[in-house]
Amino acid sequence: MEMTGNAALVTGAGSGLGAATAEALAAAGMRVVAMDLNAEGLAALAARCGATPVAGDVASEADVASALEAAAGLGPLRLAVNCAGIAPAGRVVGRGGPHDLALFEKTLRVNLLGTFNVLRLAAQRMQALPVTAPDGERGVIVNTASIAAEDGQVGQCAYAASKAGVVGLTLPAARELAKTGIRVVTIAPGLFETPMLAGLPEAAQAAIRALPPFPARLGRPEEFARLVMAICTNPLLNGTTLRLDSALRLPP
């Protein structure tokens, strides 16, 4: 996929993986619209790389449509990257009773429904673009799952279920959109240095940092961004989920 002069939407771009991805795409010549509910983070990102900030909720049709319209105003929309997500913890039955049903629903809404919302609306716009690539490619959609989709830990039922849903929609979406030259690929990150991790207690952070086999460290957001770039430039990557995890398999 040609990057220079084309537009991209990156969700969850106010921090972490999304911010690193937006910066890498902007550096590669893409015209980036960065979407997040974190307006302060978006402003800082815009100052660093010139991305166009759009505050919004990925699970809102109107908000995503507005962000895509902004991206299309900058150039042909060839790329959408779904990085928005939340990771609350809760046991099926904890000391206070059964898992909060509203929290489970919210997790699915942001992580799964939000991902699909961006995917469907971005694909609709991409289908109307002219073909420019030799293989007839019109665009690429990159989703973010998690290794928890396969290795979900105790307390991760909501999060793991939402990310397993993202993995599950990848192949059927890619198969359907193949006829119009749109690729769909999902990345399943392991443990990364993100604000989500920084919010955990120190003891929990120390235990997490000791888990990856090799490299024996947490991933860096720029390494996630590099995989997004590789997906964009390699047309054979389609309909699959790529683990980015230092050979880590989460313990129970």
C-alpha atoms as a PDB file:
ATOM      1  CA  MET A   1       0.000   0.000   0.000  1.00  0.00           C
ATOM      2  CA  GLU A   2       1.296   3.418  -0.931  1.00  0.00           C
ATOM      3  CA  MET A   3       1.490   5.517   2.214  1.00  0.00           C
ATOM      4  CA  THR A   4       2.611   8.975   1.129  1.00  0.00           C
ATOM      5  CA  GLY A   5      -0.348  11.272   0.551  1.00  0.00           C
ATOM      6  CA  ASN A   6      -2.992   8.768   1.644  1.00  0.00           C
ATOM      7  CA  ALA A   7      -5.123   9.158   4.756  1.00  0.00           C
ATOM      8  CA  ALA A   8      -5.384   6.948   7.836  1.00  0.00           C
ATOM      9  CA  LEU A   9      -7.644   6.806  10.864  1.00  0.00           C
ATOM     10  CA  VAL A  10      -6.080   5.574  14.106  1.00  0.00           C
ATOM     11  CA  THR A  11      -8.338   5.038  17.114  1.00  0.00           C
ATOM     12  CA  GLY A  12      -7.099   4.947  20.693  1.00  0.00           C
ATOM     13  CA  ALA A  13      -4.437   7.401  19.523  1.00  0.00           C
ATOM     14  CA  GLY A  14      -4.372   9.478  22.692  1.00  0.00           C
ATOM     15  CA  SER A  15      -1.707   7.234  24.231  1.00  0.00           C
ATOM     16  CA  GLY A  16       0.128   3.917  24.058  1.00  0.00           C
ATOM     17  CA  LEU A  17      -0.053   1.733  20.959  1.00  0.00           C
ATOM     18  CA  GLY A  18      -2.361   4.076  19.085  1.00  0.00           C
ATOM     19  CA  ALA A  19      -0.190   7.137  19.656  1.00  0.00           C
ATOM     20  CA  ALA A  20       2.957   5.316  18.524  1.00  0.00           C
ATOM     21  CA  THR A  21       1.158   4.056  15.432  1.00  0.00           C
ATOM     22  CA  ALA A  22      -0.153   7.505  14.523  1.00  0.00           C
ATOM     23  CA  GLU A  23       3.339   8.969  14.848  1.00  0.00           C
ATOM     24  CA  ALA A  24       4.909   6.242  12.695  1.00  0.00           C
ATOM     25  CA  LEU A  25       2.300   6.643   9.970  1.00  0.00           C
ATOM     26  CA  ALA A  26       2.695  10.420   9.951  1.00  0.00           C
ATOM     27  CA  ALA A  27       6.465  10.029   9.673  1.00  0.00           C
ATOM     28  CA  ALA A  28       5.905   7.737   6.674  1.00  0.00           C
ATOM     29  CA  GLY A  29       3.948  10.444   4.889  1.00  0.00           C
ATOM     30  CA  MET A  30       0.365   9.477   5.719  1.00  0.00           C
ATOM     31  CA  ARG A  31      -2.208  12.097   6.635  1.00  0.00           C
ATOM     32  CA  VAL A  32      -3.413  10.832   9.991  1.00  0.00           C
ATOM     33  CA  VAL A  33      -6.634  11.460  11.860  1.00  0.00           C
ATOM     34  CA  ALA A  34      -6.201  10.469  15.510  1.00  0.00           C
ATOM     35  CA  MET A  35      -9.351   9.533  17.439  1.00  0.00           C
ATOM     36  CA  ASP A  36      -9.724   9.084  21.194  1.00  0.00           C
ATOM     37  CA  LEU A  37     -11.813  10.212  24.142  1.00  0.00           C
ATOM     38  CA  ASN A  38      -8.596  11.552  25.688  1.00  0.00           C
ATOM     39  CA  ALA A  39      -8.559  15.092  24.274  1.00  0.00           C
ATOM     40  CA  GLU A  40      -5.405  16.035  26.194  1.00  0.00           C
ATOM     41  CA  GLY A  41      -3.503  13.072  24.786  1.00  0.00           C
ATOM     42  CA  LEU A  42      -4.702  13.897  21.276  1.00  0.00           C
ATOM     43  CA  ALA A  43      -3.513  17.480  21.613  1.00  0.00           C
ATOM     44  CA  ALA A  44      -0.057  16.309  22.668  1.00  0.00           C
ATOM     45  CA  LEU A  45       0.060  13.862  19.761  1.00  0.00           C
ATOM     46  CA  ALA A  46      -0.958  16.555  17.280  1.00  0.00           C
ATOM     47  CA  ALA A  47       1.847  18.772  18.560  1.00  0.00           C
ATOM     48  CA  ARG A  48       4.378  15.965  18.102  1.00  0.00           C
ATOM     49  CA  CYS A  49       3.476  14.714  14.620  1.00  0.00           C
ATOM     50  CA  GLY A  50       0.811  16.920  13.078  1.00  0.00           C
ATOM     51  CA  ALA A  51      -1.997  14.363  13.261  1.00  0.00           C
ATOM     52  CA  THR A  52      -5.516  15.766  13.105  1.00  0.00           C
ATOM     53  CA  PRO A  53      -7.200  15.182  16.487  1.00  0.00           C
ATOM     54  CA  VAL A  54     -10.846  14.091  16.622  1.00  0.00           C
ATOM     55  CA  ALA A  55     -12.382  13.386  20.024  1.00  0.00           C
ATOM     56  CA  GLY A  56     -14.939  10.607  19.898  1.00  0.00           C
ATOM     57  CA  ASP A  57     -16.294   7.230  20.984  1.00  0.00           C
ATOM     58  CA  VAL A  58     -15.482   4.267  18.725  1.00  0.00           C
ATOM     59  CA  ALA A  59     -18.822   2.667  19.585  1.00  0.00           C
ATOM     60  CA  SER A  60     -20.727   5.702  18.285  1.00  0.00           C
ATOM     61  CA  GLU A  61     -21.714   5.581  14.615  1.00  0.00           C
ATOM     62  CA  ALA A  62     -21.859   9.372  14.417  1.00  0.00           C
ATOM     63  CA  ASP A  63     -18.439   9.873  16.051  1.00  0.00           C
ATOM     64  CA  VAL A  64     -16.693   7.344  13.813  1.00  0.00           C
ATOM     65  CA  ALA A  65     -18.411   8.687  10.697  1.00  0.00           C
ATOM     66  CA  SER A  66     -17.196  12.170  11.624  1.00  0.00           C
ATOM     67  CA  ALA A  67     -13.618  10.964  12.114  1.00  0.00           C
ATOM     68  CA  LEU A  68     -13.670   9.122   8.779  1.00  0.00           C
ATOM     69  CA  GLU A  69     -15.046  12.210   7.067  1.00  0.00           C
ATOM     70  CA  ALA A  70     -12.164  14.215   8.499  1.00  0.00           C
ATOM     71  CA  ALA A  71      -9.685  11.627   7.233  1.00  0.00           C
ATOM     72  CA  ALA A  72     -11.259  11.536   3.771  1.00  0.00           C
ATOM     73  CA  GLY A  73     -10.895  15.313   3.648  1.00  0.00           C
ATOM     74  CA  LEU A  74      -7.124  14.908   3.931  1.00  0.00           C
ATOM     75  CA  GLY A  75      -6.714  12.326   1.171  1.00  0.00           C
ATOM     76  CA  PRO A  76      -7.880   8.877   0.034  1.00  0.00           C
ATOM     77  CA  LEU A  77      -8.699   6.798   3.124  1.00  0.00           C
ATOM     78  CA  ARG A  78      -6.509   3.732   2.671  1.00  0.00           C
ATOM     79  CA  LEU A  79      -5.930   2.647   6.278  1.00  0.00           C
ATOM     80  CA  ALA A  80      -7.861   2.275   9.531  1.00  0.00           C
ATOM     81  CA  VAL A  81      -6.119   1.058  12.688  1.00  0.00           C
ATOM     82  CA  ASN A  82      -8.217   0.031  15.693  1.00  0.00           C
ATOM     83  CA  CYS A  83      -6.259   0.581  18.911  1.00  0.00           C
ATOM     84  CA  ALA A  84      -9.012   1.831  21.239  1.00  0.00           C
ATOM     85  CA  GLY A  85      -9.697  -0.509  24.133  1.00  0.00           C
ATOM     86  CA  ILE A  86     -10.204  -1.002  27.851  1.00  0.00           C
ATOM     87  CA  ALA A  87      -9.064  -3.820  30.138  1.00  0.00           C
ATOM     88  CA  PRO A  88     -11.095  -3.991  33.364  1.00  0.00           C
ATOM     89  CA  ALA A  89     -10.629  -6.962  35.667  1.00  0.00           C
ATOM     90  CA  GLY A  90     -13.348  -8.913  37.429  1.00  0.00           C
ATOM     91  CA  ARG A  91     -13.960 -12.466  38.559  1.00  0.00           C
ATOM     92  CA  VAL A  92     -17.008 -14.413  37.425  1.00  0.00           C
ATOM     93  CA  VAL A  93     -17.910 -14.657  41.101  1.00  0.00           C
ATOM     94  CA  GLY A  94     -15.885 -12.435  43.413  1.00  0.00           C
ATOM     95  CA  ARG A  95     -16.071 -11.513  47.060  1.00  0.00           C
ATOM     96  CA  GLY A  96     -18.759  -8.966  46.332  1.00  0.00           C
ATOM     97  CA  GLY A  97     -20.866 -11.299  44.238  1.00  0.00           C
ATOM     98  CA  PRO A  98     -21.128 -12.110  40.520  1.00  0.00           C
ATOM     99  CA  HIS A  99     -19.327 -10.147  37.842  1.00  0.00           C
ATOM    100  CA  ASP A 100     -20.836  -6.728  37.188  1.00  0.00           C
ATOM    101  CA  LEU A 101     -22.923  -7.269  34.072  1.00  0.00           C
ATOM    102  CA  ALA A 102     -22.715  -3.612  33.078  1.00  0.00           C
ATOM    103  CA  LEU A 103     -18.905  -3.771  33.169  1.00  0.00           C
ATOM    104  CA  PHE A 104     -18.914  -6.882  30.976  1.00  0.00           C
ATOM    105  CA  GLU A 105     -21.233  -5.151  28.514  1.00  0.00           C
ATOM    106  CA  LYS A 106     -19.107  -1.982  28.474  1.00  0.00           C
ATOM    107  CA  THR A 107     -15.973  -3.998  27.724  1.00  0.00           C
ATOM    108  CA  LEU A 108     -17.643  -5.700  24.772  1.00  0.00           C
ATOM    109  CA  ARG A 109     -19.031  -2.370  23.594  1.00  0.00           C
ATOM    110  CA  VAL A 110     -15.659  -0.629  23.480  1.00  0.00           C
ATOM    111  CA  ASN A 111     -13.380  -3.480  22.428  1.00  0.00           C
ATOM    112  CA  LEU A 112     -15.562  -5.526  20.086  1.00  0.00           C
ATOM    113  CA  LEU A 113     -18.484  -3.389  18.970  1.00  0.00           C
ATOM    114  CA  GLY A 114     -16.171  -0.374  18.635  1.00  0.00           C
ATOM    115  CA  THR A 115     -13.726  -2.329  16.485  1.00  0.00           C
ATOM    116  CA  PHE A 116     -16.490  -3.614  14.226  1.00  0.00           C
ATOM    117  CA  ASN A 117     -18.053  -0.158  14.001  1.00  0.00           C
ATOM    118  CA  VAL A 118     -14.808   1.323  12.666  1.00  0.00           C
ATOM    119  CA  LEU A 119     -14.219  -1.659  10.388  1.00  0.00           C
ATOM    120  CA  ARG A 120     -17.629  -1.534   8.715  1.00  0.00           C
ATOM    121  CA  LEU A 121     -17.691   2.239   8.196  1.00  0.00           C
ATOM    122  CA  ALA A 122     -14.080   2.403   7.000  1.00  0.00           C
ATOM    123  CA  ALA A 123     -14.642  -0.498   4.591  1.00  0.00           C
ATOM    124  CA  GLN A 124     -17.659   1.247   3.105  1.00  0.00           C
ATOM    125  CA  ARG A 125     -15.548   4.295   2.296  1.00  0.00           C
ATOM    126  CA  MET A 126     -12.596   2.277   1.021  1.00  0.00           C
ATOM    127  CA  GLN A 127     -14.799   0.352  -1.412  1.00  0.00           C
ATOM    128  CA  ALA A 128     -15.574   3.588  -3.259  1.00  0.00           C
ATOM    129  CA  LEU A 129     -11.884   4.410  -3.846  1.00  0.00           C
ATOM    130  CA  PRO A 130     -10.158   3.807  -7.163  1.00  0.00           C
ATOM    131  CA  VAL A 131      -7.683   0.953  -7.367  1.00  0.00           C
ATOM    132  CA  THR A 132      -4.092   2.142  -7.452  1.00  0.00           C
ATOM    133  CA  ALA A 133      -2.013  -0.811  -6.229  1.00  0.00           C
ATOM    134  CA  PRO A 134      -0.861  -3.525  -8.680  1.00  0.00           C
ATOM    135  CA  ASP A 135      -2.863  -6.235  -6.878  1.00  0.00           C
ATOM    136  CA  GLY A 136      -6.074  -4.208  -6.900  1.00  0.00           C
ATOM    137  CA  GLU A 137      -5.789  -3.197  -3.267  1.00  0.00           C
ATOM    138  CA  ARG A 138      -8.033  -0.407  -2.053  1.00  0.00           C
ATOM    139  CA  GLY A 139      -7.270  -0.329   1.650  1.00  0.00           C
ATOM    140  CA  VAL A 140      -6.176  -2.055   4.844  1.00  0.00           C
ATOM    141  CA  ILE A 141      -7.880  -2.405   8.219  1.00  0.00           C
ATOM    142  CA  VAL A 142      -5.744  -3.396  11.207  1.00  0.00           C
ATOM    143  CA  ASN A 143      -7.437  -4.469  14.441  1.00  0.00           C
ATOM    144  CA  THR A 144      -5.935  -4.932  17.891  1.00  0.00           C
ATOM    145  CA  ALA A 145      -6.800  -8.036  19.899  1.00  0.00           C
ATOM    146  CA  SER A 146      -4.613  -9.451  22.686  1.00  0.00           C
ATOM    147  CA  ILE A 147      -2.904 -12.708  23.573  1.00  0.00           C
ATOM    148  CA  ALA A 148      -5.607 -12.852  26.262  1.00  0.00           C
ATOM    149  CA  ALA A 149      -7.942 -13.921  23.455  1.00  0.00           C
ATOM    150  CA  GLU A 150      -6.193 -17.301  23.663  1.00  0.00           C
ATOM    151  CA  ASP A 151      -4.491 -17.198  27.088  1.00  0.00           C
ATOM    152  CA  GLY A 152      -7.106 -15.395  29.178  1.00  0.00           C
ATOM    153  CA  GLN A 153      -6.240 -15.226  32.858  1.00  0.00           C
ATOM    154  CA  VAL A 154      -8.400 -15.375  35.967  1.00  0.00           C
ATOM    155  CA  GLY A 155     -10.274 -12.096  36.180  1.00  0.00           C
ATOM    156  CA  GLN A 156     -10.111 -11.486  32.422  1.00  0.00           C
ATOM    157  CA  CYS A 157     -13.403 -12.992  31.252  1.00  0.00           C
ATOM    158  CA  ALA A 158     -14.762  -9.716  29.882  1.00  0.00           C
ATOM    159  CA  TYR A 159     -11.495  -8.603  28.317  1.00  0.00           C
ATOM    160  CA  ALA A 160     -10.612 -12.021  26.876  1.00  0.00           C
ATOM    161  CA  ALA A 161     -14.104 -12.491  25.451  1.00  0.00           C
ATOM    162  CA  SER A 162     -14.007  -9.086  23.757  1.00  0.00           C
ATOM    163  CA  LYS A 163     -10.596  -9.728  22.217  1.00  0.00           C
ATOM    164  CA  ALA A 164     -11.534 -13.259  21.142  1.00  0.00           C
ATOM    165  CA  GLY A 165     -14.423 -11.634  19.293  1.00  0.00           C
ATOM    166  CA  VAL A 166     -11.986  -9.384  17.441  1.00  0.00           C
ATOM    167  CA  VAL A 167      -9.941 -12.431  16.432  1.00  0.00           C
ATOM    168  CA  GLY A 168     -13.109 -14.202  15.341  1.00  0.00           C
ATOM    169  CA  LEU A 169     -14.316 -11.460  13.020  1.00  0.00           C
ATOM    170  CA  THR A 170     -10.959 -11.090  11.245  1.00  0.00           C
ATOM    171  CA  LEU A 171     -11.157 -13.960   8.757  1.00  0.00           C
ATOM    172  CA  PRO A 172     -14.822 -13.628   7.747  1.00  0.00           C
ATOM    173  CA  ALA A 173     -14.368  -9.884   7.275  1.00  0.00           C
ATOM    174  CA  ALA A 174     -11.249 -10.440   5.168  1.00  0.00           C
ATOM    175  CA  ARG A 175     -13.029 -13.044   3.056  1.00  0.00           C
ATOM    176  CA  GLU A 176     -15.985 -10.769   2.412  1.00  0.00           C
ATOM    177  CA  LEU A 177     -13.931  -7.661   1.672  1.00  0.00           C
ATOM    178  CA  ALA A 178     -11.441  -9.498  -0.558  1.00  0.00           C
ATOM    179  CA  LYS A 179     -13.671  -8.936  -3.587  1.00  0.00           C
ATOM    180  CA  THR A 180     -13.215  -5.193  -3.224  1.00  0.00           C
ATOM    181  CA  GLY A 181      -9.490  -5.272  -2.475  1.00  0.00           C
ATOM    182  CA  ILE A 182      -9.568  -4.552   1.250  1.00  0.00           C
ATOM    183  CA  ARG A 183      -7.348  -6.501   3.621  1.00  0.00           C
ATOM    184  CA  VAL A 184      -8.154  -7.157   7.301  1.00  0.00           C
ATOM    185  CA  VAL A 185      -5.404  -8.163   9.740  1.00  0.00           C
ATOM    186  CA  THR A 186      -5.399  -8.357  13.531  1.00  0.00           C
ATOM    187  CA  ILE A 187      -2.455  -7.954  15.887  1.00  0.00           C
ATOM    188  CA  ALA A 188      -2.561  -9.742  19.251  1.00  0.00           C
ATOM    189  CA  PRO A 189      -0.028  -7.938  21.457  1.00  0.00           C
ATOM    190  CA  GLY A 190       1.486  -9.470  24.543  1.00  0.00           C
ATOM    191  CA  LEU A 191       2.591  -7.285  27.431  1.00  0.00           C
ATOM    192  CA  PHE A 192       3.513  -3.740  26.445  1.00  0.00           C
ATOM    193  CA  GLU A 193       4.631  -0.566  28.159  1.00  0.00           C
ATOM    194  CA  THR A 194       1.355   1.361  28.052  1.00  0.00           C
ATOM    195  CA  PRO A 195      -0.644   3.616  30.392  1.00  0.00           C
ATOM    196  CA  MET A 196      -2.951   0.626  30.948  1.00  0.00           C
ATOM    197  CA  LEU A 197      -0.072  -1.254  32.579  1.00  0.00           C
ATOM    198  CA  ALA A 198       1.158   1.808  34.465  1.00  0.00           C
ATOM    199  CA  GLY A 199      -2.151   1.959  36.303  1.00  0.00           C
ATOM    200  CA  LEU A 200      -1.523  -1.373  38.047  1.00  0.00           C
ATOM    201  CA  PRO A 201       0.006  -1.696  41.543  1.00  0.00           C
ATOM    202  CA  GLU A 202       3.811  -1.886  41.666  1.00  0.00           C
ATOM    203  CA  ALA A 203       3.792  -5.547  42.763  1.00  0.00           C
ATOM    204  CA  ALA A 204       1.565  -6.481  39.847  1.00  0.00           C
ATOM    205  CA  GLN A 205       3.772  -4.552  37.426  1.00  0.00           C
ATOM    206  CA  ALA A 206       6.890  -6.337  38.693  1.00  0.00           C
ATOM    207  CA  ALA A 207       5.269  -9.740  38.272  1.00  0.00           C
ATOM    208  CA  ILE A 208       4.150  -8.880  34.739  1.00  0.00           C
ATOM    209  CA  ARG A 209       7.586  -7.627  33.684  1.00  0.00           C
ATOM    210  CA  ALA A 210       9.110 -10.970  34.652  1.00  0.00           C
ATOM    211  CA  LEU A 211       6.871 -13.008  32.330  1.00  0.00           C
ATOM    212  CA  PRO A 212       8.139 -12.583  28.711  1.00  0.00           C
ATOM    213  CA  PRO A 213      10.681 -15.330  27.778  1.00  0.00           C
ATOM    214  CA  PHE A 214      12.676 -13.475  25.101  1.00  0.00           C
ATOM    215  CA  PRO A 215      13.210 -10.642  24.776  1.00  0.00           C
ATOM    216  CA  ALA A 216      12.760 -10.702  28.551  1.00  0.00           C
ATOM    217  CA  ARG A 217      11.065  -7.328  28.702  1.00  0.00           C
ATOM    218  CA  LEU A 218       7.800  -5.659  27.867  1.00  0.00           C
ATOM    219  CA  GLY A 219       7.069  -4.615  24.324  1.00  0.00           C
ATOM    220  CA  ARG A 220       7.516  -1.022  23.278  1.00  0.00           C
ATOM    221  CA  PRO A 221       4.667   0.821  21.538  1.00  0.00           C
ATOM    222  CA  GLU A 222       6.941   1.646  18.605  1.00  0.00           C
ATOM    223  CA  GLU A 223       7.410  -2.103  18.019  1.00  0.00           C
ATOM    224  CA  PHE A 224       3.658  -2.467  17.637  1.00  0.00           C
ATOM    225  CA  ALA A 225       3.708   0.447  15.201  1.00  0.00           C
ATOM    226  CA  ARG A 226       6.436  -1.260  13.167  1.00  0.00           C
ATOM    227  CA  LEU A 227       4.222  -4.305  12.725  1.00  0.00           C
ATOM    228  CA  VAL A 228       1.364  -2.091  11.528  1.00  0.00           C
ATOM    229  CA  MET A 229       3.754  -0.641   8.952  1.00  0.00           C
ATOM    230  CA  ALA A 230       4.834  -4.122   7.862  1.00  0.00           C
ATOM    231  CA  ILE A 231       1.196  -5.156   7.410  1.00  0.00           C
ATOM    232  CA  CYS A 232       0.585  -2.095   5.260  1.00  0.00           C
ATOM    233  CA  THR A 233       3.507  -2.859   2.971  1.00  0.00           C
ATOM    234  CA  ASN A 234       3.094  -6.655   2.664  1.00  0.00           C
ATOM    235  CA  PRO A 235      -0.017  -7.499   0.599  1.00  0.00           C
ATOM    236  CA  LEU A 236       0.069 -11.209   1.477  1.00  0.00           C
ATOM    237  CA  LEU A 237      -0.832 -10.487   5.092  1.00  0.00           C
ATOM    238  CA  ASN A 238      -4.597 -10.852   5.179  1.00  0.00           C
ATOM    239  CA  GLY A 239      -7.287 -12.566   7.242  1.00  0.00           C
ATOM    240  CA  THR A 240      -4.959 -13.561  10.052  1.00  0.00           C
ATOM    241  CA  THR A 241      -4.072 -12.711  13.647  1.00  0.00           C
ATOM    242  CA  LEU A 242      -0.406 -12.075  14.414  1.00  0.00           C
ATOM    243  CA  ARG A 243       0.860 -12.564  17.967  1.00  0.00           C
ATOM    244  CA  LEU A 244       3.441  -9.983  19.042  1.00  0.00           C
ATOM    245  CA  ASP A 245       4.454 -11.402  22.396  1.00  0.00           C
ATOM    246  CA  SER A 246       8.116 -12.500  22.930  1.00  0.00           C
ATOM    247  CA  ALA A 247       6.903 -16.159  22.986  1.00  0.00           C
ATOM    248  CA  LEU A 248       4.805 -15.404  26.071  1.00  0.00           C
ATOM    249  CA  ARG A 249       1.901 -17.635  27.066  1.00  0.00           C
ATOM    250  CA  LEU A 250      -0.001 -16.129  29.964  1.00  0.00           C
ATOM    251  CA  PRO A 251      -0.257 -18.291  33.108  1.00  0.00           C
ATOM    252  CA  PRO A 252      -3.694 -18.780  34.713  1.00  0.00           C
END
